[in-house]
Amino acid sequence: LVEPMGKPSQSLQETLLNLIYVQRPYWQCFQHQGTY
């Protein structure tokens, strides 16, 4: 990749955390990580 990836935007971070929160009961990989 030409440029290193920067930190995700606040909106993207919140969206991903919401996704993890909702999917956590159904995906074992999310059950092993902390919550934020």
All heavy atoms as atom14 arrays in JSON, in Angstrom:
{
  "sequence": "LVEPMGKPSQSLQETLLNLIYVQRPYWQCFQHQGTY",
  "atom14_mask": [
    [1, 1, 1, 1, 1, 1, 1, 1, 0, 0, 0, 0, 0, 0],
    [1, 1, 1, 1, 1, 1, 1, 0, 0, 0, 0, 0, 0, 0],
    [1, 1, 1, 1, 1, 1, 1, 1, 1, 0, 0, 0, 0, 0],
    [1, 1, 1, 1, 1, 1, 1, 0, 0, 0, 0, 0, 0, 0],
    [1, 1, 1, 1, 1, 1, 1, 1, 0, 0, 0, 0, 0, 0],
    [1, 1, 1, 1, 0, 0, 0, 0, 0, 0, 0, 0, 0, 0],
    [1, 1, 1, 1, 1, 1, 1, 1, 1, 0, 0, 0, 0, 0],
    [1, 1, 1, 1, 1, 1, 1, 0, 0, 0, 0, 0, 0, 0],
    [1, 1, 1, 1, 1, 1, 0, 0, 0, 0, 0, 0, 0, 0],
    [1, 1, 1, 1, 1, 1, 1, 1, 1, 0, 0, 0, 0, 0],
    [1, 1, 1, 1, 1, 1, 0, 0, 0, 0, 0, 0, 0, 0],
    [1, 1, 1, 1, 1, 1, 1, 1, 0, 0, 0, 0, 0, 0],
    [1, 1, 1, 1, 1, 1, 1, 1, 1, 0, 0, 0, 0, 0],
    [1, 1, 1, 1, 1, 1, 1, 1, 1, 0, 0, 0, 0, 0],
    [1, 1, 1, 1, 1, 1, 1, 0, 0, 0, 0, 0, 0, 0],
    [1, 1, 1, 1, 1, 1, 1, 1, 0, 0, 0, 0, 0, 0],
    [1, 1, 1, 1, 1, 1, 1, 1, 0, 0, 0, 0, 0, 0],
    [1, 1, 1, 1, 1, 1, 1, 1, 0, 0, 0, 0, 0, 0],
    [1, 1, 1, 1, 1, 1, 1, 1, 0, 0, 0, 0, 0, 0],
    [1, 1, 1, 1, 1, 1, 1, 1, 0, 0, 0, 0, 0, 0],
    [1, 1, 1, 1, 1, 1, 1, 1, 1, 1, 1, 1, 0, 0],
    [1, 1, 1, 1, 1, 1, 1, 0, 0, 0, 0, 0, 0, 0],
    [1, 1, 1, 1, 1, 1, 1, 1, 1, 0, 0, 0, 0, 0],
    [1, 1, 1, 1, 1, 1, 1, 1, 1, 1, 1, 0, 0, 0],
    [1, 1, 1, 1, 1, 1, 1, 0, 0, 0, 0, 0, 0, 0],
    [1, 1, 1, 1, 1, 1, 1, 1, 1, 1, 1, 1, 0, 0],
    [1, 1, 1, 1, 1, 1, 1, 1, 1, 1, 1, 1, 1, 1],
    [1, 1, 1, 1, 1, 1, 1, 1, 1, 0, 0, 0, 0, 0],
    [1, 1, 1, 1, 1, 1, 0, 0, 0, 0, 0, 0, 0, 0],
    [1, 1, 1, 1, 1, 1, 1, 1, 1, 1, 1, 0, 0, 0],
    [1, 1, 1, 1, 1, 1, 1, 1, 1, 0, 0, 0, 0, 0],
    [1, 1, 1, 1, 1, 1, 1, 1, 1, 1, 0, 0, 0, 0],
    [1, 1, 1, 1, 1, 1, 1, 1, 1, 0, 0, 0, 0, 0],
    [1, 1, 1, 1, 0, 0, 0, 0, 0, 0, 0, 0, 0, 0],
    [1, 1, 1, 1, 1, 1, 1, 0, 0, 0, 0, 0, 0, 0],
    [1, 1, 1, 1, 1, 1, 1, 1, 1, 1, 1, 1, 0, 0]
  ],
  "atom14_positions": [
    [[0.86, -1.17, 0.0], [0.0, 0.0, 0.0], [0.9, 1.22, 0.0], [1.88, 1.28, 0.75], [-0.91, -0.01, 1.23], [-1.91, -1.17, 1.28], [-2.66, -1.15, 2.6], [-2.88, -1.1, 0.13], [0.0, 0.0, 0.0], [0.0, 0.0, 0.0], [0.0, 0.0, 0.0], [0.0, 0.0, 0.0], [0.0, 0.0, 0.0], [0.0, 0.0, 0.0]],
    [[0.58, 2.22, -0.81], [1.42, 3.4, -0.97], [1.54, 4.16, 0.34], [2.63, 4.53, 0.75], [0.87, 4.31, -2.09], [1.69, 5.57, -2.21], [0.83, 3.57, -3.41], [0.0, 0.0, 0.0], [0.0, 0.0, 0.0], [0.0, 0.0, 0.0], [0.0, 0.0, 0.0], [0.0, 0.0, 0.0], [0.0, 0.0, 0.0], [0.0, 0.0, 0.0]],
    [[0.44, 4.39, 0.99], [0.45, 5.14, 2.24], [0.03, 4.21, 3.37], [-0.89, 3.41, 3.21], [-0.53, 6.3, 2.18], [-0.17, 7.33, 1.12], [-1.21, 8.44, 1.05], [-2.03, 8.56, 1.98], [-1.21, 9.16, 0.06], [0.0, 0.0, 0.0], [0.0, 0.0, 0.0], [0.0, 0.0, 0.0], [0.0, 0.0, 0.0], [0.0, 0.0, 0.0]],
    [[0.68, 4.32, 4.52], [0.23, 3.5, 5.64], [-1.18, 3.89, 6.06], [-1.57, 5.05, 5.95], [1.24, 3.8, 6.74], [1.88, 5.08, 6.35], [1.79, 5.19, 4.86], [0.0, 0.0, 0.0], [0.0, 0.0, 0.0], [0.0, 0.0, 0.0], [0.0, 0.0, 0.0], [0.0, 0.0, 0.0], [0.0, 0.0, 0.0], [0.0, 0.0, 0.0]],
    [[-1.94, 2.92, 6.5], [-3.3, 3.2, 6.93], [-3.27, 3.99, 8.23], [-2.52, 3.67, 9.14], [-4.08, 1.9, 7.11], [-4.34, 1.21, 5.81], [-5.21, -0.37, 5.91], [-6.09, -0.35, 7.4], [0.0, 0.0, 0.0], [0.0, 0.0, 0.0], [0.0, 0.0, 0.0], [0.0, 0.0, 0.0], [0.0, 0.0, 0.0], [0.0, 0.0, 0.0]],
    [[-4.08, 5.0, 8.3], [-4.17, 5.81, 9.5], [-5.21, 5.26, 10.45], [-5.82, 4.22, 10.22], [0.0, 0.0, 0.0], [0.0, 0.0, 0.0], [0.0, 0.0, 0.0], [0.0, 0.0, 0.0], [0.0, 0.0, 0.0], [0.0, 0.0, 0.0], [0.0, 0.0, 0.0], [0.0, 0.0, 0.0], [0.0, 0.0, 0.0], [0.0, 0.0, 0.0]],
    [[-5.43, 5.98, 11.52], [-6.41, 5.59, 12.52], [-7.81, 5.75, 11.92], [-8.09, 6.74, 11.24], [-6.25, 6.48, 13.75], [-7.16, 6.15, 14.89], [-6.86, 7.06, 16.07], [-7.8, 6.76, 17.21], [-7.54, 7.63, 18.36], [0.0, 0.0, 0.0], [0.0, 0.0, 0.0], [0.0, 0.0, 0.0], [0.0, 0.0, 0.0], [0.0, 0.0, 0.0]],
    [[-8.71, 4.8, 12.15], [-10.07, 4.92, 11.62], [-10.8, 6.12, 12.21], [-10.53, 6.52, 13.35], [-10.76, 3.62, 12.06], [-9.7, 2.73, 12.57], [-8.51, 3.57, 12.89], [0.0, 0.0, 0.0], [0.0, 0.0, 0.0], [0.0, 0.0, 0.0], [0.0, 0.0, 0.0], [0.0, 0.0, 0.0], [0.0, 0.0, 0.0], [0.0, 0.0, 0.0]],
    [[-11.72, 6.67, 11.47], [-12.49, 7.82, 11.95], [-13.34, 7.42, 13.15], [-13.64, 6.25, 13.37], [-13.41, 8.34, 10.84], [-14.43, 7.39, 10.58], [0.0, 0.0, 0.0], [0.0, 0.0, 0.0], [0.0, 0.0, 0.0], [0.0, 0.0, 0.0], [0.0, 0.0, 0.0], [0.0, 0.0, 0.0], [0.0, 0.0, 0.0], [0.0, 0.0, 0.0]],
    [[-13.75, 8.42, 13.92], [-14.59, 8.19, 15.09], [-15.88, 7.49, 14.7], [-16.34, 6.57, 15.38], [-14.89, 9.53, 15.78], [-15.72, 9.41, 17.04], [-14.94, 8.87, 18.22], [-13.72, 8.86, 18.21], [-15.65, 8.4, 19.23], [0.0, 0.0, 0.0], [0.0, 0.0, 0.0], [0.0, 0.0, 0.0], [0.0, 0.0, 0.0], [0.0, 0.0, 0.0]],
    [[-16.47, 7.89, 13.58], [-17.71, 7.29, 13.12], [-17.53, 5.8, 12.8], [-18.36, 4.97, 13.17], [-18.2, 8.04, 11.88], [-19.29, 7.38, 11.3], [0.0, 0.0, 0.0], [0.0, 0.0, 0.0], [0.0, 0.0, 0.0], [0.0, 0.0, 0.0], [0.0, 0.0, 0.0], [0.0, 0.0, 0.0], [0.0, 0.0, 0.0], [0.0, 0.0, 0.0]],
    [[-16.43, 5.47, 12.14], [-16.17, 4.06, 11.81], [-15.91, 3.25, 13.08], [-16.41, 2.13, 13.22], [-14.97, 3.94, 10.87], [-14.56, 2.52, 10.49], [-15.71, 1.78, 9.83], [-13.35, 2.54, 9.6], [0.0, 0.0, 0.0], [0.0, 0.0, 0.0], [0.0, 0.0, 0.0], [0.0, 0.0, 0.0], [0.0, 0.0, 0.0], [0.0, 0.0, 0.0]],
    [[-15.17, 3.81, 14.01], [-14.92, 3.1, 15.27], [-16.23, 2.79, 15.99], [-16.44, 1.67, 16.45], [-14.02, 3.95, 16.18], [-12.61, 4.1, 15.69], [-11.8, 5.02, 16.59], [-11.98, 5.03, 17.79], [-10.92, 5.81, 15.99], [0.0, 0.0, 0.0], [0.0, 0.0, 0.0], [0.0, 0.0, 0.0], [0.0, 0.0, 0.0], [0.0, 0.0, 0.0]],
    [[-17.11, 3.78, 16.06], [-18.39, 3.58, 16.75], [-19.23, 2.54, 16.02], [-19.86, 1.69, 16.65], [-19.13, 4.92, 16.85], [-20.33, 4.88, 17.76], [-19.97, 4.68, 19.22], [-18.94, 5.19, 19.68], [-20.75, 3.99, 19.91], [0.0, 0.0, 0.0], [0.0, 0.0, 0.0], [0.0, 0.0, 0.0], [0.0, 0.0, 0.0], [0.0, 0.0, 0.0]],
    [[-19.24, 2.59, 14.71], [-20.01, 1.62, 13.92], [-19.5, 0.21, 14.15], [-20.29, -0.73, 14.35], [-19.93, 1.98, 12.43], [-20.5, 3.27, 12.24], [-20.68, 0.97, 11.58], [0.0, 0.0, 0.0], [0.0, 0.0, 0.0], [0.0, 0.0, 0.0], [0.0, 0.0, 0.0], [0.0, 0.0, 0.0], [0.0, 0.0, 0.0], [0.0, 0.0, 0.0]],
    [[-18.19, 0.03, 14.14], [-17.62, -1.3, 14.36], [-17.89, -1.81, 15.77], [-18.19, -2.99, 15.97], [-16.12, -1.29, 14.07], [-15.74, -1.11, 12.61], [-14.23, -0.95, 12.46], [-16.25, -2.25, 11.77], [0.0, 0.0, 0.0], [0.0, 0.0, 0.0], [0.0, 0.0, 0.0], [0.0, 0.0, 0.0], [0.0, 0.0, 0.0], [0.0, 0.0, 0.0]],
    [[-17.8, -0.92, 16.75], [-18.09, -1.33, 18.12], [-19.56, -1.71, 18.28], [-19.9, -2.65, 19.0], [-17.69, -0.24, 19.1], [-16.18, -0.02, 19.24], [-15.9, 1.21, 20.1], [-15.49, -1.23, 19.82], [0.0, 0.0, 0.0], [0.0, 0.0, 0.0], [0.0, 0.0, 0.0], [0.0, 0.0, 0.0], [0.0, 0.0, 0.0], [0.0, 0.0, 0.0]],
    [[-20.45, -0.98, 17.61], [-21.87, -1.34, 17.64], [-22.1, -2.71, 17.01], [-22.86, -3.52, 17.51], [-22.72, -0.28, 16.93], [-22.86, 0.99, 17.73], [-22.66, 1.01, 18.94], [-23.2, 2.07, 17.05], [0.0, 0.0, 0.0], [0.0, 0.0, 0.0], [0.0, 0.0, 0.0], [0.0, 0.0, 0.0], [0.0, 0.0, 0.0], [0.0, 0.0, 0.0]],
    [[-21.41, -2.96, 15.91], [-21.52, -4.25, 15.24], [-21.06, -5.38, 16.17], [-21.73, -6.4, 16.31], [-20.68, -4.26, 13.97], [-20.6, -5.61, 13.29], [-21.72, -5.77, 12.3], [-19.27, -5.79, 12.64], [0.0, 0.0, 0.0], [0.0, 0.0, 0.0], [0.0, 0.0, 0.0], [0.0, 0.0, 0.0], [0.0, 0.0, 0.0], [0.0, 0.0, 0.0]],
    [[-19.93, -5.19, 16.83], [-19.4, -6.2, 17.75], [-20.38, -6.42, 18.9], [-20.65, -7.55, 19.29], [-18.01, -5.79, 18.28], [-16.98, -5.89, 17.15], [-17.59, -6.67, 19.46], [-15.63, -5.29, 17.49], [0.0, 0.0, 0.0], [0.0, 0.0, 0.0], [0.0, 0.0, 0.0], [0.0, 0.0, 0.0], [0.0, 0.0, 0.0], [0.0, 0.0, 0.0]],
    [[-20.95, -5.35, 19.42], [-21.9, -5.43, 20.54], [-23.1, -6.29, 20.16], [-23.54, -7.15, 20.92], [-22.33, -4.03, 20.94], [-23.29, -4.0, 22.11], [-22.81, -4.01, 23.42], [-24.66, -3.94, 21.91], [-23.67, -3.97, 24.5], [-25.53, -3.91, 22.98], [-25.04, -3.92, 24.27], [-25.9, -3.89, 25.33], [0.0, 0.0, 0.0], [0.0, 0.0, 0.0]],
    [[-23.63, -6.07, 18.96], [-24.82, -6.79, 18.52], [-24.48, -8.24, 18.16], [-25.24, -9.17, 18.46], [-25.47, -6.07, 17.31], [-26.54, -6.91, 16.68], [-26.02, -4.73, 17.75], [0.0, 0.0, 0.0], [0.0, 0.0, 0.0], [0.0, 0.0, 0.0], [0.0, 0.0, 0.0], [0.0, 0.0, 0.0], [0.0, 0.0, 0.0], [0.0, 0.0, 0.0]],
    [[-23.35, -8.48, 17.52], [-22.99, -9.81, 17.04], [-22.31, -10.67, 18.1], [-22.17, -11.88, 17.92], [-22.08, -9.7, 15.81], [-22.74, -9.07, 14.62], [-23.88, -9.92, 14.09], [-23.83, -11.13, 14.11], [-24.93, -9.27, 13.6], [0.0, 0.0, 0.0], [0.0, 0.0, 0.0], [0.0, 0.0, 0.0], [0.0, 0.0, 0.0], [0.0, 0.0, 0.0]],
    [[-21.88, -10.08, 19.17], [-21.1, -10.79, 20.2], [-21.74, -12.1, 20.67], [-21.05, -13.11, 20.81], [-20.86, -9.86, 21.38], [-19.93, -10.41, 22.4], [-19.76, -9.42, 23.55], [-18.75, -9.96, 24.44], [-17.57, -9.43, 24.63], [-17.25, -8.32, 24.03], [-16.71, -9.99, 25.43], [0.0, 0.0, 0.0], [0.0, 0.0, 0.0], [0.0, 0.0, 0.0]],
    [[-23.05, -12.16, 20.93], [-23.62, -13.43, 21.4], [-23.55, -14.56, 20.36], [-23.64, -15.72, 20.72], [-25.09, -13.08, 21.69], [-25.14, -11.6, 21.82], [-24.04, -11.08, 20.95], [0.0, 0.0, 0.0], [0.0, 0.0, 0.0], [0.0, 0.0, 0.0], [0.0, 0.0, 0.0], [0.0, 0.0, 0.0], [0.0, 0.0, 0.0], [0.0, 0.0, 0.0]],
    [[-23.37, -14.22, 19.09], [-23.45, -15.22, 18.03], [-22.1, -15.62, 17.44], [-22.02, -16.61, 16.74], [-24.35, -14.69, 16.9], [-25.67, -14.18, 17.42], [-25.9, -12.81, 17.51], [-26.65, -15.05, 17.87], [-27.11, -12.33, 18.0], [-27.85, -14.58, 18.37], [-28.06, -13.21, 18.43], [-29.25, -12.76, 18.93], [0.0, 0.0, 0.0], [0.0, 0.0, 0.0]],
    [[-21.06, -14.83, 17.7], [-19.74, -15.08, 17.12], [-18.75, -15.34, 18.24], [-18.47, -14.45, 19.05], [-19.28, -13.89, 16.29], [-20.0, -13.74, 15.0], [-21.27, -13.3, 14.83], [-19.51, -14.04, 13.69], [-21.6, -13.29, 13.5], [-20.53, -13.73, 12.79], [-18.29, -14.51, 13.21], [-20.38, -13.9, 11.42], [-18.15, -14.67, 11.85], [-19.18, -14.37, 10.97]],
    [[-18.2, -16.52, 18.28], [-17.28, -16.89, 19.34], [-16.04, -16.0, 19.37], [-15.54, -15.67, 20.44], [-16.86, -18.35, 19.16], [-16.08, -18.9, 20.33], [-15.81, -20.38, 20.19], [-16.0, -20.96, 19.13], [-15.35, -20.99, 21.26], [0.0, 0.0, 0.0], [0.0, 0.0, 0.0], [0.0, 0.0, 0.0], [0.0, 0.0, 0.0], [0.0, 0.0, 0.0]],
    [[-15.58, -15.54, 18.22], [-14.38, -14.7, 18.18], [-14.59, -13.39, 18.93], [-13.66, -12.85, 19.53], [-13.94, -14.42, 16.75], [-15.16, -13.53, 15.76], [0.0, 0.0, 0.0], [0.0, 0.0, 0.0], [0.0, 0.0, 0.0], [0.0, 0.0, 0.0], [0.0, 0.0, 0.0], [0.0, 0.0, 0.0], [0.0, 0.0, 0.0], [0.0, 0.0, 0.0]],
    [[-15.81, -12.86, 18.96], [-16.09, -11.63, 19.69], [-16.21, -11.87, 21.19], [-16.06, -10.95, 21.98], [-17.37, -10.96, 19.19], [-17.27, -10.41, 17.79], [-18.36, -10.43, 16.95], [-16.08, -9.87, 17.31], [-18.28, -9.93, 15.67], [-15.98, -9.36, 16.04], [-17.09, -9.4, 15.22], [0.0, 0.0, 0.0], [0.0, 0.0, 0.0], [0.0, 0.0, 0.0]],
    [[-16.5, -13.09, 21.59], [-16.64, -13.4, 23.0], [-15.3, -13.46, 23.71], [-15.23, -13.37, 24.92], [-17.4, -14.72, 23.17], [-18.83, -14.62, 22.69], [-19.52, -15.95, 22.59], [-19.0, -16.97, 23.0], [-20.72, -15.95, 22.02], [0.0, 0.0, 0.0], [0.0, 0.0, 0.0], [0.0, 0.0, 0.0], [0.0, 0.0, 0.0], [0.0, 0.0, 0.0]],
    [[-14.23, -13.61, 22.97], [-12.9, -13.72, 23.56], [-12.2, -12.37, 23.7], [-11.16, -12.29, 24.32], [-12.01, -14.66, 22.74], [-12.49, -16.07, 22.76], [-12.47, -16.85, 23.9], [-13.05, -16.83, 21.8], [-12.97, -18.04, 23.62], [-13.33, -18.05, 22.36], [0.0, 0.0, 0.0], [0.0, 0.0, 0.0], [0.0, 0.0, 0.0], [0.0, 0.0, 0.0]],
    [[-12.71, -11.35, 23.09], [-12.05, -10.05, 23.19], [-12.81, -9.17, 24.16], [-13.98, -9.4, 24.44], [-11.93, -9.39, 21.83], [-13.22, -8.84, 21.27], [-13.03, -8.27, 19.89], [-12.71, -8.98, 18.98], [-13.22, -6.98, 19.76], [0.0, 0.0, 0.0], [0.0, 0.0, 0.0], [0.0, 0.0, 0.0], [0.0, 0.0, 0.0], [0.0, 0.0, 0.0]],
    [[-12.11, -8.17, 24.65], [-12.73, -7.25, 25.6], [-13.78, -6.4, 24.93], [-13.99, -6.47, 23.72], [0.0, 0.0, 0.0], [0.0, 0.0, 0.0], [0.0, 0.0, 0.0], [0.0, 0.0, 0.0], [0.0, 0.0, 0.0], [0.0, 0.0, 0.0], [0.0, 0.0, 0.0], [0.0, 0.0, 0.0], [0.0, 0.0, 0.0], [0.0, 0.0, 0.0]],
    [[-14.43, -5.56, 25.71], [-15.37, -4.6, 25.15], [-14.83, -3.21, 25.41], [-14.05, -2.99, 26.34], [-16.77, -4.76, 25.79], [-16.63, -4.69, 27.2], [-17.39, -6.08, 25.4], [0.0, 0.0, 0.0], [0.0, 0.0, 0.0], [0.0, 0.0, 0.0], [0.0, 0.0, 0.0], [0.0, 0.0, 0.0], [0.0, 0.0, 0.0], [0.0, 0.0, 0.0]],
    [[-15.22, -2.26, 24.59], [-14.62, -0.93, 24.61], [-15.68, 0.14, 24.45], [-16.82, -0.15, 24.19], [-13.61, -0.75, 23.47], [-12.96, -2.01, 23.02], [-13.36, -2.66, 21.87], [-11.93, -2.57, 23.77], [-12.76, -3.83, 21.48], [-11.32, -3.73, 23.37], [-11.74, -4.36, 22.23], [-11.15, -5.52, 21.84], [0.0, 0.0, 0.0], [0.0, 0.0, 0.0]]
  ]
}
